[in-house]
Protein backbone atom coordinates (compact mmCIF):
# COMPACT_ATOMS: atom_id res chain seq x y z
CA MET A 1 -5.51 -19.52 -2.17
CA ILE A 2 -2.83 -17.79 -0.09
CA THR A 3 -1.55 -21.16 1.16
CA ARG A 4 -1.40 -22.48 -2.39
CA PHE A 5 0.43 -19.36 -3.57
CA ILE A 6 3.03 -19.65 -0.81
CA GLY A 7 3.44 -23.34 -1.55
CA ASP A 8 4.02 -22.72 -5.25
CA VAL A 9 6.52 -19.93 -4.51
CA LEU A 10 8.47 -22.31 -2.29
CA SER A 11 8.20 -25.19 -4.76
CA TYR A 12 8.92 -23.57 -8.12
CA GLU A 13 12.26 -21.90 -8.68
CA PHE A 14 11.01 -19.40 -11.28
CA LEU A 15 8.31 -18.12 -8.90
CA ARG A 16 10.78 -17.98 -6.04
CA ASN A 17 13.27 -16.03 -8.15
CA ALA A 18 10.49 -13.68 -9.27
CA MET A 19 9.38 -12.98 -5.70
CA ILE A 20 12.90 -12.39 -4.40
CA ALA A 21 13.71 -10.17 -7.39
CA ALA A 22 10.55 -8.10 -6.88
CA ILE A 23 11.47 -7.50 -3.24
CA LEU A 24 15.09 -6.63 -4.09
CA VAL A 25 14.07 -4.23 -6.88
CA SER A 26 11.56 -2.54 -4.56
CA THR A 27 14.28 -2.10 -1.95
CA LEU A 28 16.85 -0.80 -4.42
CA THR A 29 14.55 1.69 -6.15
CA GLY A 30 13.01 2.68 -2.81
CA VAL A 31 16.42 3.77 -1.54
CA PHE A 32 17.13 5.99 -4.56
CA SER A 33 13.57 7.15 -5.23
CA SER A 34 13.59 9.59 -2.31
CA VAL A 35 16.61 11.42 -3.72
CA VAL A 36 15.04 11.37 -7.20
CA VAL A 37 11.85 13.03 -5.96
CA LEU A 38 13.53 15.53 -3.64
CA ARG A 39 16.05 16.59 -6.30
CA LYS A 40 13.28 16.63 -8.94
CA ILE A 41 15.32 14.56 -11.39
CA GLU A 42 12.51 12.19 -12.34
CA PHE A 43 13.09 12.77 -16.05
CA ILE A 44 16.68 11.53 -15.80
CA GLY A 45 15.43 8.22 -14.40
CA ASP A 46 12.77 8.01 -17.11
CA GLY A 47 15.30 8.87 -19.81
CA ALA A 48 17.80 6.32 -18.50
CA ALA A 49 15.08 3.68 -18.61
CA HIS A 50 14.32 4.36 -22.26
CA ALA A 51 18.01 4.65 -23.10
CA THR A 52 18.53 1.05 -21.99
CA PHE A 53 16.69 -0.03 -25.15
CA GLY A 54 19.65 1.16 -27.22
CA GLY A 55 22.09 -0.70 -24.98
CA ILE A 56 20.07 -3.91 -25.16
CA ALA A 57 19.87 -3.67 -28.96
CA PHE A 58 23.62 -3.14 -29.37
CA GLY A 59 24.31 -5.95 -26.91
CA LEU A 60 22.29 -8.31 -29.08
CA LEU A 61 23.97 -7.04 -32.25
CA LEU A 62 27.50 -7.45 -30.85
CA GLY A 63 26.76 -10.74 -29.11
CA ALA A 64 27.59 -9.20 -25.74
CA ASN A 65 25.69 -9.48 -22.46
CA TYR A 66 22.77 -7.13 -23.15
CA ILE A 67 22.19 -6.43 -19.44
CA VAL A 68 25.76 -5.15 -19.10
CA MET A 69 25.34 -3.09 -22.27
CA ALA A 70 22.05 -1.68 -20.94
CA ALA A 71 23.75 -0.72 -17.67
CA LEU A 72 26.57 1.05 -19.50
CA THR A 73 24.09 2.88 -21.74
CA ALA A 74 21.95 4.02 -18.80
CA VAL A 75 24.98 5.30 -16.89
CA VAL A 76 26.37 7.12 -19.95
CA PHE A 77 22.95 8.65 -20.63
CA ALA A 78 22.48 9.96 -17.08
CA VAL A 79 26.03 11.32 -16.85
CA ALA A 80 25.75 12.92 -20.32
CA VAL A 81 22.49 14.65 -19.38
CA SER A 82 24.06 16.03 -16.22
CA TYR A 83 27.24 17.10 -18.05
CA PHE A 84 25.46 19.00 -20.82
CA THR A 85 23.06 20.56 -18.32
CA ARG A 86 25.68 21.76 -15.86
CA ARG A 87 28.49 22.71 -18.24
CA ASN A 88 26.53 24.22 -21.14
CA ARG A 89 23.59 25.74 -19.26
CA LEU A 90 21.08 23.76 -21.29
CA SER A 91 17.77 22.76 -19.73
CA GLU A 92 17.60 19.21 -18.47
CA SER A 93 14.37 18.51 -20.35
CA SER A 94 15.91 19.75 -23.63
CA VAL A 95 18.96 17.50 -23.31
CA ILE A 96 16.80 14.49 -22.42
CA GLY A 97 14.52 15.36 -25.32
CA MET A 98 17.52 15.09 -27.66
CA LEU A 99 19.35 12.08 -26.21
CA LEU A 100 16.32 9.89 -25.51
CA PRO A 101 15.03 9.61 -29.10
CA LEU A 102 18.66 9.31 -30.28
CA SER A 103 19.20 6.26 -28.07
CA MET A 104 15.87 4.70 -29.07
CA SER A 105 16.56 5.33 -32.76
CA LEU A 106 20.03 3.80 -32.57
CA GLY A 107 18.46 0.81 -30.81
CA VAL A 108 15.92 0.29 -33.57
CA ILE A 109 18.67 0.54 -36.21
CA ALA A 110 20.81 -1.97 -34.30
CA LEU A 111 17.91 -4.41 -33.97
CA SER A 112 17.33 -4.28 -37.73
CA PHE A 113 20.80 -5.81 -38.22
CA VAL A 114 20.33 -8.57 -35.63
CA ARG A 115 19.93 -12.01 -37.18
CA GLY A 116 18.40 -14.98 -35.44
CA TYR A 117 16.72 -14.93 -32.03
CA THR A 118 15.85 -11.61 -30.43
CA PRO A 119 14.05 -11.15 -27.09
CA ASP A 120 10.36 -10.34 -27.13
CA VAL A 121 10.13 -6.56 -27.59
CA MET A 122 6.91 -6.40 -25.57
CA GLY A 123 8.76 -8.12 -22.75
CA LEU A 124 11.48 -5.46 -22.90
CA PHE A 125 8.95 -2.63 -22.79
CA PHE A 126 6.57 -4.05 -20.17
CA GLY A 127 8.73 -6.60 -18.35
CA ASN A 128 8.45 -10.31 -17.68
CA ILE A 129 9.38 -11.06 -14.10
CA LEU A 130 8.84 -14.80 -14.55
CA LEU A 131 11.98 -14.93 -16.72
CA VAL A 132 14.20 -13.74 -13.85
CA THR A 133 17.07 -16.15 -13.24
CA ALA A 134 19.18 -16.92 -10.19
CA ALA A 135 21.98 -14.85 -11.76
CA ASP A 136 19.62 -11.86 -11.96
CA VAL A 137 18.78 -12.29 -8.28
CA TRP A 138 22.46 -12.29 -7.31
CA LEU A 139 23.01 -9.20 -9.47
CA LEU A 140 20.16 -7.43 -7.67
CA ALA A 141 21.54 -8.50 -4.30
CA GLY A 142 24.93 -7.00 -5.24
CA ALA A 143 23.29 -3.77 -6.38
CA ASN A 144 21.37 -3.53 -3.10
CA LEU A 145 24.55 -4.08 -1.13
CA GLY A 146 26.30 -1.34 -3.12
CA ALA A 147 23.40 1.07 -2.50
CA ILE A 148 23.38 0.34 1.23
CA ILE A 149 27.15 0.93 1.47
CA PHE A 150 26.91 4.17 -0.53
CA PHE A 151 24.09 5.58 1.61
CA SER A 152 25.70 4.41 4.86
CA LEU A 153 29.04 6.05 4.08
CA PHE A 154 27.68 9.28 2.60
CA PHE A 155 24.27 9.72 4.19
CA ARG A 156 25.03 13.18 5.59
CA GLU A 157 26.34 14.36 2.21
CA ILE A 158 23.35 12.85 0.38
CA LEU A 159 21.02 14.53 2.87
CA TYR A 160 22.44 18.00 2.15
CA TYR A 161 22.53 17.31 -1.59
CA ALA A 162 18.93 16.05 -1.68
CA TYR A 163 17.43 19.12 -0.01
CA ASP A 164 19.68 21.99 -1.08
CA GLU A 165 22.68 21.68 -3.39
CA LYS A 166 23.87 25.26 -2.75
CA MET A 167 23.86 24.68 1.00
CA ALA A 168 25.72 21.42 0.45
CA ARG A 169 28.46 23.29 -1.45
CA HIS A 170 28.61 25.88 1.34
CA TYR A 171 29.28 23.17 3.94
CA GLY A 172 32.00 21.59 1.82
CA VAL A 173 30.04 18.58 0.61
CA PRO A 174 31.65 16.98 -2.49
CA VAL A 175 28.53 17.68 -4.54
CA ALA A 176 29.93 16.44 -7.86
CA PHE A 177 30.88 13.06 -6.35
CA VAL A 178 27.51 12.64 -4.64
CA HIS A 179 25.65 13.81 -7.74
CA TYR A 180 27.32 11.43 -10.17
CA GLY A 181 27.30 8.59 -7.63
CA THR A 182 23.56 9.07 -7.25
CA LEU A 183 23.05 9.15 -11.03
CA ILE A 184 25.00 5.91 -11.46
CA GLY A 185 22.94 4.31 -8.69
CA ILE A 186 19.70 5.45 -10.31
CA SER A 187 20.84 4.10 -13.68
CA LEU A 188 21.76 0.71 -12.24
CA SER A 189 18.43 0.63 -10.38
CA VAL A 190 16.63 1.23 -13.67
CA VAL A 191 18.52 -1.56 -15.45
CA SER A 192 17.93 -3.95 -12.56
CA SER A 193 14.19 -3.29 -12.77
CA VAL A 194 13.79 -3.77 -16.53
CA LYS A 195 12.97 -7.49 -16.38
CA ILE A 196 10.27 -6.85 -13.77
CA ALA A 197 8.52 -3.70 -14.95
CA GLY A 198 9.99 -3.16 -18.41
CA ILE A 199 11.41 0.00 -19.95
CA ILE A 200 8.09 1.87 -19.95
CA LEU A 201 6.91 1.09 -16.41
CA VAL A 202 10.21 1.08 -14.51
CA THR A 203 9.97 4.81 -13.75
CA ALA A 204 7.00 4.06 -11.50
CA PHE A 205 9.31 2.17 -9.11
CA LEU A 206 11.60 5.20 -8.93
CA ILE A 207 8.91 7.83 -8.37
CA ILE A 208 5.62 6.61 -6.90
CA PRO A 209 6.92 5.11 -3.60
CA ALA A 210 8.85 8.28 -2.74
CA VAL A 211 5.95 10.58 -3.68
CA SER A 212 3.71 8.55 -1.37
CA ALA A 213 6.33 8.44 1.38
CA ARG A 214 6.84 12.19 1.22
CA LEU A 215 3.23 12.66 2.35
CA LEU A 216 4.03 10.77 5.56
CA ALA A 217 7.74 11.25 6.28
CA ARG A 218 9.42 14.01 8.28
CA SER A 219 13.02 13.19 7.38
CA LEU A 220 15.01 11.66 4.55
CA ARG A 221 15.72 8.56 6.60
CA SER A 222 12.02 7.93 7.30
CA MET A 223 11.15 8.77 3.69
CA ILE A 224 13.56 6.09 2.44
CA SER A 225 12.22 3.57 4.94
CA ILE A 226 8.58 4.22 4.01
CA SER A 227 9.43 4.09 0.27
CA VAL A 228 11.02 0.68 0.71
CA VAL A 229 8.10 -0.65 2.77
CA LEU A 230 5.55 0.61 0.24
CA GLY A 231 7.50 -0.85 -2.66
CA VAL A 232 7.97 -4.25 -1.05
CA THR A 233 4.30 -4.40 0.01
CA ALA A 234 3.11 -3.55 -3.51
CA SER A 235 5.50 -6.11 -5.01
CA VAL A 236 4.41 -8.97 -2.76
CA LEU A 237 0.70 -8.18 -3.21
CA GLY A 238 1.23 -7.66 -6.94
CA MET A 239 2.81 -11.09 -7.27
CA PHE A 240 -0.12 -12.63 -5.37
CA PHE A 241 -2.86 -10.88 -7.39
CA SER A 242 -1.12 -11.64 -10.69
CA TYR A 243 -0.94 -15.30 -9.61
CA VAL A 244 -4.63 -15.43 -8.69
CA LEU A 245 -5.93 -13.38 -11.63
CA ASN A 246 -3.43 -14.68 -14.21
CA MET A 247 -2.17 -11.19 -15.05
CA PRO A 248 1.35 -9.84 -15.78
CA PRO A 249 3.07 -9.07 -12.43
CA GLY A 250 4.95 -5.89 -13.43
CA PRO A 251 1.92 -3.81 -14.47
CA VAL A 252 -0.08 -5.12 -11.50
CA ILE A 253 2.66 -3.96 -9.11
CA VAL A 254 2.69 -0.51 -10.73
CA VAL A 255 -1.11 -0.23 -10.38
CA LEU A 256 -0.84 -1.15 -6.69
CA LEU A 257 1.86 1.48 -6.18
CA PHE A 258 -0.52 4.10 -7.55
CA VAL A 259 -3.38 2.76 -5.42
CA GLN A 260 -1.14 3.17 -2.38
CA PHE A 261 -0.52 6.79 -3.37
CA LEU A 262 -4.26 7.49 -3.76
CA ALA A 263 -5.01 5.84 -0.41
CA ILE A 264 -2.33 7.80 1.47
CA LEU A 265 -3.35 11.06 -0.22
CA SER A 266 -7.02 10.47 0.63
CA VAL A 267 -6.29 9.66 4.28
CA LYS A 268 -3.98 12.68 4.52
CA LYS A 269 -6.69 14.99 3.16
CA LEU A 270 -9.33 13.43 5.41
CA LEU A 271 -7.23 13.89 8.54
CA GLY A 272 -6.35 17.43 7.46
CA SER A 273 -10.00 18.39 7.00
CA LYS A 274 -10.87 16.96 10.43
CA GLU A 275 -8.10 19.02 12.07
CA ASN A 276 -9.46 22.17 10.43
CA ASP A 277 -13.02 21.53 11.69
């Protein structure tokens, strides 16, 4: 079965694109997920994911590229949440609670005016990795390259920002630049993952790998590395199991990410109890 799966991946372009895209998304979200978890900004990622629905709807209404519109919407949403939170002393959850339903509502209104073909709504919410094209793969590759450059150039600044923003300011770190750069990266990661996991499940790619990695890692660098490895492993196995069991790949990958978390947590507790004996 494994040999047949590998053969089909190599033979069929749509399967090959799906596999490459799954690996690239896992790498991209794995890089940013550690900062998301350490900074405790999970709700911004979740909100940006749901906000993309509004961008997709307006893209369809205006006849524009809906992926570009989704990216713009996600970036605007994340930046707006941060702006209102930092400048007006509003709670992050309150601002997200206002902007998220606003974006979704505007998306539903926009879709009601769309005439002709519209993408499958279930596909938007839960993903359809088998529809990934070569252009999507190149877009993901570009996003990965941008993330690698950003983290390579500003790793020290991101390190301070991720663990303690006040300390980062004390040491002269350009916190605002790192903060908004990170938010934009998270937003683009969310948009890049929509075709694979969908709007509802994409948050799992941004959170679960880093939560699992945090149980094992002792530094931000190792946490990022472990997050990427866990994400890629779950993606490859998820593609294989979905192929064998004829199930949707995105949800299967998310389930495997959670299984990884449970396994790591169980082993961690087991080893901890043995050390205490």
